Structures are given as C-alpha cells and as structure tokens.
C-alpha cells in the first residue's frame, strides 16, 4: 500500500509541476469538463452522465498508465511525449497529437457506450 501511495504522489507531483500545458488551460479544463457533464446530464439524465464519466475516467486512466509505463515514469521520450535534459534534470517538453487524439477518442467512445447501455 505504501508503494502505491508513493507512485500516486509521483504522478500528482508530475501533473502539478509539468509545463506541457499553460496553467490557465489546466484550470479551464475543469470548467470544460463540468460544463460538458452538466449539458450531458440535462440531455440524457444522471444515469447516462455517470456512465459516461466513469467510462471516460477509466479510459483516460488507461492512457495515463500507458504513457507512464512507456516513458519510464515521465523520464523518457515516447511518441509525442518529449523529454529533455536541462540543468542536470530531466523535464517534459511537449505532448501532442497522439495524446490529445486519445482523449478525444476516449470521449467519443464513452459517449457511444453510455448511450448503448440501457
């Protein structure tokens, strides 16, 4: 359990400290997701909204774990995730098309699945 908490702490620290997205966008994402969920809930009801959100979070978690493994805990470049050595420290420099395409695909798949489940 202690090792799991340490790994979660590592990921949380990375997410809070990375400069892959501007700080304003990190905040804006919260409002985008909240607005989308409110609209989805208004159109399709609470149950389908919960299903969508649960599926989307699960699929996003899978993308996160894939990137975490392939980048050796954010220390190695892979696909569109680029790291550089700067002042004897490894820093994430960019993320791009594949990652954002995966997020959009996750959202579309979550919508489709949540609509198919009665």
N, C-alpha and C. Protein backbone atom coordinates (compact mmCIF):
# COMPACT_ATOMS: atom_id res chain seq x y z
N UNK A 1 0.82 -1.19 0.00
CA UNK A 1 0.00 0.00 0.00
C UNK A 1 0.87 1.26 0.00
N UNK A 2 1.97 1.21 0.73
CA UNK A 2 2.87 2.36 0.81
C UNK A 2 3.47 2.68 -0.55
N UNK A 3 3.86 1.64 -1.30
CA UNK A 3 4.44 1.84 -2.63
C UNK A 3 3.42 2.46 -3.58
N UNK A 4 2.17 2.01 -3.48
CA UNK A 4 1.12 2.57 -4.33
C UNK A 4 0.93 4.06 -4.03
N UNK A 5 0.93 4.43 -2.77
CA UNK A 5 0.79 5.84 -2.39
C UNK A 5 1.96 6.67 -2.90
N UNK A 6 3.16 6.10 -2.86
CA UNK A 6 4.33 6.81 -3.37
C UNK A 6 4.22 7.02 -4.89
N UNK A 7 3.72 6.01 -5.60
CA UNK A 7 3.55 6.13 -7.05
C UNK A 7 2.49 7.17 -7.39
N UNK A 8 1.41 7.19 -6.64
CA UNK A 8 0.36 8.19 -6.85
C UNK A 8 0.92 9.58 -6.58
N UNK A 9 1.70 9.72 -5.52
CA UNK A 9 2.30 11.01 -5.18
C UNK A 9 3.23 11.48 -6.31
N UNK A 10 4.00 10.55 -6.89
CA UNK A 10 4.88 10.87 -8.01
C UNK A 10 4.07 11.43 -9.17
N UNK A 11 2.97 10.77 -9.51
CA UNK A 11 2.14 11.21 -10.63
C UNK A 11 1.48 12.55 -10.34
N UNK A 12 0.97 12.73 -9.14
CA UNK A 12 0.33 14.00 -8.78
C UNK A 12 1.34 15.14 -8.86
N UNK A 13 2.54 14.92 -8.35
CA UNK A 13 3.59 15.94 -8.42
C UNK A 13 3.94 16.28 -9.86
N UNK A 14 4.00 15.24 -10.72
CA UNK A 14 4.30 15.49 -12.13
C UNK A 14 3.19 16.33 -12.77
N UNK A 15 1.94 15.94 -12.54
CA UNK A 15 0.82 16.66 -13.14
C UNK A 15 0.79 18.11 -12.68
N UNK A 16 1.05 18.34 -11.40
CA UNK A 16 1.03 19.70 -10.88
C UNK A 16 2.19 20.54 -11.40
N UNK A 17 3.34 19.92 -11.64
CA UNK A 17 4.53 20.69 -11.97
C UNK A 17 4.85 20.79 -13.46
N UNK A 18 4.27 19.94 -14.30
CA UNK A 18 4.66 19.96 -15.71
C UNK A 18 4.21 21.24 -16.40
N UNK A 19 4.93 21.56 -17.46
CA UNK A 19 4.63 22.75 -18.25
C UNK A 19 4.17 22.37 -19.65
N UNK A 20 3.58 21.20 -19.79
CA UNK A 20 3.11 20.73 -21.09
C UNK A 20 1.88 21.52 -21.54
N UNK A 21 1.17 22.09 -20.60
CA UNK A 21 0.01 22.91 -20.90
C UNK A 21 0.14 24.19 -20.06
N UNK A 22 -0.36 25.30 -20.60
CA UNK A 22 -0.33 26.53 -19.80
C UNK A 22 -1.19 26.37 -18.54
N UNK A 23 -0.84 27.08 -17.49
CA UNK A 23 -1.59 26.98 -16.23
C UNK A 23 -3.05 27.35 -16.41
N UNK A 24 -3.32 28.36 -17.25
CA UNK A 24 -4.71 28.77 -17.46
C UNK A 24 -5.52 27.64 -18.08
N UNK A 25 -4.89 26.82 -18.93
CA UNK A 25 -5.60 25.71 -19.56
C UNK A 25 -5.89 24.60 -18.56
N UNK A 26 -4.95 24.38 -17.62
CA UNK A 26 -5.20 23.38 -16.59
C UNK A 26 -6.45 23.73 -15.79
N UNK A 27 -6.67 25.02 -15.54
CA UNK A 27 -7.86 25.47 -14.82
C UNK A 27 -9.08 25.41 -15.74
N UNK A 28 -8.93 25.86 -16.98
CA UNK A 28 -10.03 25.87 -17.92
C UNK A 28 -10.59 24.47 -18.16
N UNK A 29 -9.74 23.44 -18.15
CA UNK A 29 -10.20 22.06 -18.36
C UNK A 29 -11.26 21.66 -17.35
N UNK A 30 -11.13 22.10 -16.12
CA UNK A 30 -12.10 21.77 -15.08
C UNK A 30 -13.47 22.32 -15.47
N UNK A 31 -13.51 23.55 -15.96
CA UNK A 31 -14.77 24.16 -16.35
C UNK A 31 -15.33 23.54 -17.63
N UNK A 32 -14.46 23.15 -18.55
CA UNK A 32 -14.90 22.48 -19.77
C UNK A 32 -15.57 21.15 -19.42
N UNK A 33 -14.93 20.36 -18.59
CA UNK A 33 -15.49 19.05 -18.19
C UNK A 33 -16.79 19.25 -17.41
N UNK A 34 -16.80 20.18 -16.46
CA UNK A 34 -18.01 20.43 -15.66
C UNK A 34 -19.17 20.88 -16.55
N UNK A 35 -18.90 21.78 -17.48
CA UNK A 35 -19.93 22.24 -18.40
C UNK A 35 -20.45 21.13 -19.28
N UNK A 36 -19.53 20.31 -19.79
CA UNK A 36 -19.94 19.18 -20.63
C UNK A 36 -20.81 18.22 -19.83
N UNK A 37 -20.39 17.91 -18.60
CA UNK A 37 -21.17 16.98 -17.77
C UNK A 37 -22.55 17.53 -17.45
N UNK A 38 -22.64 18.82 -17.18
CA UNK A 38 -23.96 19.43 -16.90
C UNK A 38 -24.85 19.35 -18.14
N UNK A 39 -24.31 19.66 -19.30
CA UNK A 39 -25.09 19.56 -20.54
C UNK A 39 -25.50 18.14 -20.84
N UNK A 40 -24.57 17.22 -20.66
CA UNK A 40 -24.86 15.80 -20.91
C UNK A 40 -25.94 15.32 -19.95
N UNK A 41 -25.83 15.74 -18.70
CA UNK A 41 -26.84 15.36 -17.70
C UNK A 41 -28.21 15.93 -18.04
N UNK A 42 -28.25 17.17 -18.50
CA UNK A 42 -29.50 17.80 -18.88
C UNK A 42 -30.15 17.06 -20.06
N UNK A 43 -29.34 16.67 -21.04
CA UNK A 43 -29.86 15.99 -22.23
C UNK A 43 -30.22 14.53 -22.00
N UNK A 44 -29.39 13.82 -21.23
CA UNK A 44 -29.54 12.36 -21.16
C UNK A 44 -29.81 11.81 -19.77
N UNK A 45 -29.78 12.64 -18.75
CA UNK A 45 -30.09 12.17 -17.40
C UNK A 45 -28.84 11.82 -16.60
N UNK A 46 -29.08 11.67 -15.31
CA UNK A 46 -27.99 11.42 -14.36
C UNK A 46 -27.31 10.08 -14.58
N UNK A 47 -28.08 9.04 -14.87
CA UNK A 47 -27.51 7.70 -15.02
C UNK A 47 -26.53 7.65 -16.20
N UNK A 48 -26.95 8.15 -17.35
CA UNK A 48 -26.07 8.12 -18.53
C UNK A 48 -24.86 9.03 -18.34
N UNK A 49 -25.05 10.13 -17.61
CA UNK A 49 -23.93 11.03 -17.32
C UNK A 49 -22.91 10.33 -16.43
N UNK A 50 -23.39 9.64 -15.41
CA UNK A 50 -22.49 8.89 -14.54
C UNK A 50 -21.76 7.81 -15.32
N UNK A 51 -22.48 7.08 -16.20
CA UNK A 51 -21.85 6.06 -17.03
C UNK A 51 -20.77 6.67 -17.93
N UNK A 52 -21.12 7.78 -18.59
CA UNK A 52 -20.14 8.45 -19.45
C UNK A 52 -18.90 8.80 -18.65
N UNK A 53 -19.10 9.45 -17.50
CA UNK A 53 -17.96 9.92 -16.70
C UNK A 53 -17.10 8.76 -16.22
N UNK A 54 -17.73 7.68 -15.75
CA UNK A 54 -16.98 6.52 -15.27
C UNK A 54 -16.18 5.88 -16.40
N UNK A 55 -16.79 5.74 -17.56
CA UNK A 55 -16.10 5.14 -18.71
C UNK A 55 -14.96 6.05 -19.17
N UNK A 56 -15.22 7.35 -19.25
CA UNK A 56 -14.19 8.30 -19.68
C UNK A 56 -13.00 8.31 -18.72
N UNK A 57 -13.28 8.31 -17.43
CA UNK A 57 -12.19 8.29 -16.44
C UNK A 57 -11.40 7.00 -16.55
N UNK A 58 -12.07 5.87 -16.72
CA UNK A 58 -11.37 4.59 -16.86
C UNK A 58 -10.47 4.59 -18.10
N UNK A 59 -11.01 5.01 -19.23
CA UNK A 59 -10.21 5.04 -20.47
C UNK A 59 -9.04 6.02 -20.35
N UNK A 60 -9.28 7.14 -19.72
CA UNK A 60 -8.20 8.13 -19.52
C UNK A 60 -7.13 7.58 -18.59
N UNK A 61 -7.55 6.83 -17.59
CA UNK A 61 -6.59 6.17 -16.69
C UNK A 61 -5.71 5.20 -17.48
N UNK A 62 -6.31 4.46 -18.41
CA UNK A 62 -5.52 3.54 -19.24
C UNK A 62 -4.49 4.28 -20.08
N UNK A 63 -4.87 5.42 -20.65
CA UNK A 63 -3.92 6.24 -21.43
C UNK A 63 -2.81 6.74 -20.51
N UNK A 64 -3.18 7.18 -19.32
CA UNK A 64 -2.20 7.67 -18.34
C UNK A 64 -1.19 6.57 -18.01
N UNK A 65 -1.69 5.38 -17.72
CA UNK A 65 -0.81 4.26 -17.35
C UNK A 65 0.09 3.88 -18.53
N UNK A 66 -0.46 3.87 -19.73
CA UNK A 66 0.34 3.57 -20.92
C UNK A 66 1.49 4.55 -21.07
N UNK A 67 1.19 5.85 -20.97
CA UNK A 67 2.24 6.87 -21.06
C UNK A 67 3.24 6.72 -19.92
N UNK A 68 2.74 6.44 -18.73
CA UNK A 68 3.63 6.31 -17.56
C UNK A 68 4.62 5.18 -17.75
N UNK A 69 4.13 4.05 -18.27
CA UNK A 69 4.99 2.89 -18.49
C UNK A 69 5.98 3.16 -19.62
N UNK A 70 5.47 3.62 -20.75
CA UNK A 70 6.32 3.82 -21.93
C UNK A 70 7.34 4.94 -21.76
N UNK A 71 7.06 5.90 -20.89
CA UNK A 71 8.01 6.99 -20.66
C UNK A 71 8.88 6.76 -19.43
N UNK A 72 8.79 5.58 -18.87
CA UNK A 72 9.57 5.23 -17.68
C UNK A 72 9.37 6.29 -16.59
N UNK A 73 8.13 6.46 -16.22
CA UNK A 73 7.72 7.42 -15.18
C UNK A 73 8.12 8.85 -15.54
N UNK A 74 7.81 9.23 -16.80
CA UNK A 74 7.98 10.59 -17.29
C UNK A 74 9.44 10.99 -17.51
N UNK A 75 10.35 10.00 -17.69
CA UNK A 75 11.78 10.32 -17.84
C UNK A 75 12.32 10.03 -19.24
N UNK A 76 11.48 9.50 -20.14
CA UNK A 76 11.97 9.11 -21.46
C UNK A 76 10.94 9.53 -22.52
N UNK A 77 11.42 9.97 -23.65
CA UNK A 77 10.53 10.35 -24.75
C UNK A 77 9.84 9.12 -25.33
N UNK A 78 8.58 9.31 -25.71
CA UNK A 78 7.82 8.24 -26.36
C UNK A 78 6.68 8.88 -27.14
N UNK A 79 6.52 8.47 -28.41
CA UNK A 79 5.52 9.04 -29.30
C UNK A 79 5.60 10.57 -29.29
N UNK A 80 4.54 11.22 -28.81
CA UNK A 80 4.52 12.69 -28.82
C UNK A 80 4.93 13.29 -27.48
N UNK A 81 5.35 12.48 -26.55
CA UNK A 81 5.83 12.95 -25.25
C UNK A 81 7.34 13.10 -25.35
N UNK A 82 7.82 14.34 -25.24
CA UNK A 82 9.24 14.64 -25.44
C UNK A 82 9.83 15.14 -24.13
N UNK A 83 10.94 14.52 -23.73
CA UNK A 83 11.67 14.99 -22.54
C UNK A 83 13.06 15.43 -22.97
N UNK A 84 13.60 16.39 -22.23
CA UNK A 84 14.95 16.89 -22.48
C UNK A 84 15.68 16.99 -21.15
N UNK A 85 17.01 16.94 -21.24
CA UNK A 85 17.82 17.15 -20.04
C UNK A 85 18.17 18.63 -19.97
N UNK A 86 17.85 19.22 -18.82
CA UNK A 86 18.06 20.65 -18.63
C UNK A 86 18.61 20.87 -17.23
N UNK A 87 19.79 21.44 -17.13
CA UNK A 87 20.43 21.69 -15.83
C UNK A 87 20.53 20.41 -15.01
N UNK A 88 21.00 19.34 -15.63
CA UNK A 88 21.14 18.03 -14.99
C UNK A 88 19.82 17.49 -14.44
N UNK A 89 18.73 17.91 -15.05
CA UNK A 89 17.41 17.44 -14.64
C UNK A 89 16.62 17.10 -15.89
N UNK A 90 15.82 16.05 -15.83
CA UNK A 90 15.00 15.66 -16.97
C UNK A 90 13.65 16.35 -16.85
N UNK A 91 13.26 17.05 -17.93
CA UNK A 91 11.99 17.79 -17.92
C UNK A 91 11.17 17.42 -19.14
N UNK A 92 9.88 17.31 -18.93
CA UNK A 92 8.96 17.07 -20.04
C UNK A 92 8.86 18.35 -20.85
N UNK A 93 8.98 18.23 -22.15
CA UNK A 93 8.97 19.42 -23.00
C UNK A 93 7.67 19.55 -23.79
N UNK A 94 7.14 18.43 -24.31
CA UNK A 94 5.91 18.57 -25.10
C UNK A 94 5.13 17.27 -25.16
N UNK A 95 3.87 17.43 -25.46
CA UNK A 95 2.96 16.32 -25.70
C UNK A 95 2.03 16.81 -26.80
N UNK A 96 1.53 15.91 -27.62
CA UNK A 96 0.79 16.43 -28.76
C UNK A 96 -0.30 15.57 -29.34
N UNK A 97 -0.22 15.36 -30.65
CA UNK A 97 -1.31 14.81 -31.43
C UNK A 97 -1.82 13.47 -30.91
N UNK A 98 -0.94 12.55 -30.60
CA UNK A 98 -1.41 11.23 -30.18
C UNK A 98 -2.17 11.32 -28.86
N UNK A 99 -1.62 12.06 -27.90
CA UNK A 99 -2.26 12.17 -26.59
C UNK A 99 -3.64 12.81 -26.70
N UNK A 100 -3.72 13.94 -27.38
CA UNK A 100 -4.99 14.64 -27.49
C UNK A 100 -5.98 13.86 -28.35
N UNK A 101 -5.49 13.15 -29.34
CA UNK A 101 -6.36 12.27 -30.13
C UNK A 101 -6.93 11.15 -29.25
N UNK A 102 -6.12 10.62 -28.37
CA UNK A 102 -6.58 9.58 -27.45
C UNK A 102 -7.65 10.12 -26.51
N UNK A 103 -7.50 11.35 -26.04
CA UNK A 103 -8.50 11.96 -25.15
C UNK A 103 -9.82 12.14 -25.90
N UNK A 104 -9.77 12.63 -27.13
CA UNK A 104 -10.98 12.81 -27.93
C UNK A 104 -11.62 11.46 -28.22
N UNK A 105 -10.81 10.47 -28.59
CA UNK A 105 -11.33 9.13 -28.84
C UNK A 105 -12.00 8.57 -27.59
N UNK A 106 -11.38 8.76 -26.42
CA UNK A 106 -11.97 8.30 -25.16
C UNK A 106 -13.33 8.94 -24.94
N UNK A 107 -13.45 10.22 -25.20
CA UNK A 107 -14.72 10.92 -25.00
C UNK A 107 -15.78 10.38 -25.95
N UNK A 108 -15.42 10.19 -27.22
CA UNK A 108 -16.38 9.68 -28.20
C UNK A 108 -16.81 8.26 -27.83
N UNK A 109 -15.85 7.42 -27.45
CA UNK A 109 -16.16 6.05 -27.06
C UNK A 109 -17.03 6.02 -25.80
N UNK A 110 -16.75 6.88 -24.84
CA UNK A 110 -17.54 6.94 -23.62
C UNK A 110 -18.97 7.38 -23.92
N UNK A 111 -19.14 8.34 -24.82
CA UNK A 111 -20.49 8.76 -25.23
C UNK A 111 -21.22 7.59 -25.86
N UNK A 112 -20.57 6.91 -26.81
CA UNK A 112 -21.19 5.79 -27.52
C UNK A 112 -21.60 4.68 -26.54
N UNK A 113 -20.70 4.29 -25.67
CA UNK A 113 -21.00 3.21 -24.73
C UNK A 113 -22.11 3.63 -23.76
N UNK A 114 -22.03 4.85 -23.25
CA UNK A 114 -23.06 5.28 -22.28
C UNK A 114 -24.43 5.36 -22.94
N UNK A 115 -24.47 5.62 -24.24
CA UNK A 115 -25.76 5.66 -24.94
C UNK A 115 -26.28 4.27 -25.28
N UNK A 116 -25.38 3.30 -25.44
CA UNK A 116 -25.80 1.95 -25.79
C UNK A 116 -26.31 1.15 -24.59
N UNK A 117 -25.83 1.50 -23.41
CA UNK A 117 -26.25 0.78 -22.21
C UNK A 117 -27.61 1.33 -21.79
N UNK A 118 -28.62 0.44 -21.69
CA UNK A 118 -29.98 0.93 -21.34
C UNK A 118 -30.09 1.44 -19.91
